[in-house]
């Protein structure tokens, strides 16, 4: 039986009590929508602890997901870590383009092909995994994509910002700051595909 919205709220509250960093954010907070020099930094070791804590909260809420749906690219590592911790081998991926740089984004998020074929999963419970719910528009688009195709959808993110239009059921930490993740805190080694052709 699907859990109620009230239950999801309790999960967030209980989770906040079990992870000190969620209720005690260090340093000054930035104005929403304004980029500052202040950054929230996540290291590899801390990512391991954060994803494990996130998985524990999901397990404690009795949400027995059948599928983990990763939002590429940032959600890929989160989904993998949650899949291992929760013993879920059925992982799907959706590629959504929205951010093009620090606080630079398209007008609306776009689902890029190929899209997962959610066939014969009407009774499945899906856990959408991403690194951050910033504006929340990407998560909202993916949740809309799943509507009517599966039994229930919940969202798990490492970080959630106050302006997010989606209130995720599982959040490791809340912040107003721009976040530097260990997988994207350095410039790419290779140029994005098509860059050389455009500059020639």
Protein backbone atom coordinates (compact mmCIF):
# COMPACT_ATOMS: atom_id res chain seq x y z
CA UNK A 1 0.00 0.00 0.00
CA UNK A 2 1.44 3.40 -0.93
CA UNK A 3 2.71 5.56 1.90
CA UNK A 4 0.93 8.82 2.59
CA UNK A 5 2.43 12.28 2.23
CA UNK A 6 2.35 12.55 6.02
CA UNK A 7 4.54 9.45 6.29
CA UNK A 8 7.04 10.95 3.85
CA UNK A 9 7.22 14.10 5.98
CA UNK A 10 7.94 12.02 9.05
CA UNK A 11 10.75 10.31 7.17
CA UNK A 12 12.33 13.69 6.47
CA UNK A 13 11.94 14.72 10.12
CA UNK A 14 13.34 11.47 11.48
CA UNK A 15 16.18 11.58 8.98
CA UNK A 16 17.04 15.14 10.01
CA UNK A 17 17.47 13.98 13.60
CA UNK A 18 19.79 11.12 12.66
CA UNK A 19 22.17 13.22 10.53
CA UNK A 20 23.62 16.22 12.38
CA UNK A 21 24.77 17.96 9.18
CA UNK A 22 21.18 18.37 8.01
CA UNK A 23 20.21 20.68 10.85
CA UNK A 24 23.58 22.33 11.45
CA UNK A 25 24.84 23.79 8.17
CA UNK A 26 28.21 25.45 8.67
CA UNK A 27 29.05 28.90 7.34
CA UNK A 28 26.89 31.72 6.00
CA UNK A 29 24.16 30.93 3.54
CA UNK A 30 23.98 32.58 0.14
CA UNK A 31 21.00 34.44 -1.22
CA UNK A 32 18.88 32.04 -3.27
CA UNK A 33 19.66 32.34 -6.97
CA UNK A 34 22.84 34.38 -6.43
CA UNK A 35 26.29 32.84 -6.99
CA UNK A 36 28.87 33.69 -4.32
CA UNK A 37 32.42 32.59 -3.56
CA UNK A 38 31.08 30.49 -0.68
CA UNK A 39 30.75 26.82 -1.67
CA UNK A 40 29.41 23.61 -0.19
CA UNK A 41 32.13 21.00 -0.81
CA UNK A 42 31.62 17.24 -0.78
CA UNK A 43 34.66 14.95 -0.77
CA UNK A 44 34.79 11.31 -1.84
CA UNK A 45 34.92 9.94 1.71
CA UNK A 46 32.06 12.18 2.80
CA UNK A 47 30.08 11.05 -0.25
CA UNK A 48 30.43 7.46 0.95
CA UNK A 49 29.10 8.38 4.39
CA UNK A 50 26.33 10.56 2.96
CA UNK A 51 25.04 7.94 0.52
CA UNK A 52 25.13 5.30 3.25
CA UNK A 53 23.10 7.53 5.59
CA UNK A 54 20.65 8.23 2.77
CA UNK A 55 20.23 4.49 2.16
CA UNK A 56 19.68 3.86 5.87
CA UNK A 57 16.90 6.45 5.98
CA UNK A 58 15.21 4.86 2.96
CA UNK A 59 15.45 1.42 4.56
CA UNK A 60 14.13 2.73 7.90
CA UNK A 61 11.09 4.22 6.15
CA UNK A 62 10.12 0.75 4.87
CA UNK A 63 10.05 2.00 1.28
CA UNK A 64 10.97 -1.17 -0.58
CA UNK A 65 11.92 0.17 -4.02
CA UNK A 66 12.03 -2.18 -6.99
CA UNK A 67 13.89 0.22 -9.30
CA UNK A 68 16.44 2.98 -8.78
CA UNK A 69 16.16 5.57 -11.54
CA UNK A 70 19.35 7.66 -11.85
CA UNK A 71 19.27 11.14 -13.33
CA UNK A 72 22.48 11.48 -15.33
CA UNK A 73 25.03 12.59 -14.79
CA UNK A 74 25.10 13.66 -11.15
CA UNK A 75 22.66 11.00 -10.01
CA UNK A 76 24.63 8.09 -11.46
CA UNK A 77 26.99 7.71 -8.51
CA UNK A 78 24.22 8.31 -5.99
CA UNK A 79 22.04 5.65 -7.64
CA UNK A 80 24.90 3.15 -7.74
CA UNK A 81 25.67 3.65 -4.07
CA UNK A 82 22.01 3.35 -3.10
CA UNK A 83 21.57 0.29 -5.31
CA UNK A 84 24.40 -1.52 -3.53
CA UNK A 85 23.35 -0.45 -0.03
CA UNK A 86 19.68 -1.37 -0.58
CA UNK A 87 20.41 -4.56 -2.57
CA UNK A 88 18.58 -3.26 -5.64
CA UNK A 89 20.09 -4.49 -8.91
CA UNK A 90 17.46 -2.99 -11.21
CA UNK A 91 18.88 0.44 -12.11
CA UNK A 92 17.59 2.67 -14.90
CA UNK A 93 19.12 5.89 -16.23
CA UNK A 94 17.59 9.06 -17.63
CA UNK A 95 19.69 11.82 -19.15
CA UNK A 96 18.24 15.26 -18.53
CA UNK A 97 20.02 18.41 -19.71
CA UNK A 98 19.40 21.59 -17.74
CA UNK A 99 22.54 23.13 -16.26
CA UNK A 100 25.19 24.37 -18.68
CA UNK A 101 27.48 26.00 -16.07
CA UNK A 102 27.54 27.50 -12.59
CA UNK A 103 24.00 28.86 -12.14
CA UNK A 104 23.59 28.80 -15.94
CA UNK A 105 20.80 26.68 -17.34
CA UNK A 106 18.42 26.17 -20.21
CA UNK A 107 14.94 27.70 -20.03
CA UNK A 108 13.49 24.27 -19.26
CA UNK A 109 15.06 20.85 -18.62
CA UNK A 110 15.12 18.48 -21.61
CA UNK A 111 15.02 14.68 -21.55
CA UNK A 112 17.67 13.38 -23.94
CA UNK A 113 17.37 10.06 -25.80
CA UNK A 114 17.40 7.20 -25.24
CA UNK A 115 14.62 7.23 -22.66
CA UNK A 116 14.03 4.17 -20.48
CA UNK A 117 11.16 1.96 -21.56
CA UNK A 118 9.08 1.47 -18.44
CA UNK A 119 7.30 -1.64 -19.71
CA UNK A 120 5.61 -4.20 -17.44
CA UNK A 121 6.48 -2.22 -14.31
CA UNK A 122 3.00 -0.95 -13.41
CA UNK A 123 3.30 -2.39 -9.91
CA UNK A 124 6.87 -1.21 -9.32
CA UNK A 125 8.02 1.25 -6.68
CA UNK A 126 10.63 3.62 -8.10
CA UNK A 127 13.32 5.57 -6.28
CA UNK A 128 14.61 8.53 -8.30
CA UNK A 129 18.21 9.36 -7.36
CA UNK A 130 20.05 12.60 -8.03
CA UNK A 131 22.87 14.59 -6.50
CA UNK A 132 20.91 17.79 -5.85
CA UNK A 133 17.39 19.20 -5.97
CA UNK A 134 18.30 22.77 -6.93
CA UNK A 135 15.32 24.33 -8.68
CA UNK A 136 13.67 20.89 -8.63
CA UNK A 137 12.52 21.23 -12.25
CA UNK A 138 14.58 18.23 -13.40
CA UNK A 139 13.12 16.00 -10.69
CA UNK A 140 9.62 17.27 -11.48
CA UNK A 141 10.10 16.36 -15.16
CA UNK A 142 11.31 12.85 -14.32
CA UNK A 143 8.47 12.30 -11.83
CA UNK A 144 6.01 13.39 -14.53
CA UNK A 145 7.64 10.93 -16.96
CA UNK A 146 7.00 8.11 -14.45
CA UNK A 147 3.38 9.10 -13.75
CA UNK A 148 0.93 6.37 -14.72
CA UNK A 149 3.72 3.94 -15.60
CA UNK A 150 4.64 2.73 -12.09
CA UNK A 151 2.90 2.26 -8.74
CA UNK A 152 4.81 4.81 -6.66
CA UNK A 153 7.70 7.26 -7.02
CA UNK A 154 9.91 8.81 -4.35
CA UNK A 155 13.01 10.97 -4.63
CA UNK A 156 16.36 10.70 -2.86
CA UNK A 157 19.03 13.39 -3.14
CA UNK A 158 22.21 14.28 -1.34
CA UNK A 159 21.33 17.98 -1.26
CA UNK A 160 18.12 19.97 -1.46
CA UNK A 161 17.83 23.74 -1.81
CA UNK A 162 14.97 25.75 -0.27
CA UNK A 163 13.76 26.94 -3.69
CA UNK A 164 13.22 23.40 -5.03
CA UNK A 165 9.72 22.91 -6.45
CA UNK A 166 9.97 19.23 -5.48
CA UNK A 167 10.16 18.32 -1.80
CA UNK A 168 12.17 15.10 -1.82
CA UNK A 169 11.27 12.33 0.60
CA UNK A 170 14.93 11.60 1.36
CA UNK A 171 17.50 14.37 1.77
CA UNK A 172 20.96 14.14 3.30
CA UNK A 173 21.56 17.88 3.67
CA UNK A 174 19.89 21.21 2.93
CA UNK A 175 21.90 24.16 1.62
CA UNK A 176 21.57 27.46 -0.23
CA UNK A 177 25.12 27.28 -1.58
CA UNK A 178 26.54 26.15 -4.91
CA UNK A 179 27.81 22.59 -4.39
CA UNK A 180 31.15 21.21 -5.54
CA UNK A 181 30.96 17.45 -5.99
CA UNK A 182 34.13 15.34 -6.17
CA UNK A 183 33.25 14.09 -9.65
CA UNK A 184 32.78 17.57 -11.14
CA UNK A 185 34.99 19.95 -9.14
CA UNK A 186 37.74 19.92 -11.80
CA UNK A 187 37.57 20.87 -15.49
CA UNK A 188 36.91 18.00 -17.93
CA UNK A 189 39.97 16.31 -19.44
CA UNK A 190 38.28 16.08 -22.84
CA UNK A 191 36.37 18.85 -24.61
CA UNK A 192 32.62 18.31 -24.89
CA UNK A 193 31.66 16.59 -28.14
CA UNK A 194 31.14 19.08 -30.93
CA UNK A 195 33.30 21.83 -29.38
CA UNK A 196 36.22 21.37 -31.79
CA UNK A 197 33.90 21.38 -34.78
CA UNK A 198 32.20 24.61 -33.66
CA UNK A 199 35.52 26.38 -33.04
CA UNK A 200 37.09 25.31 -36.36
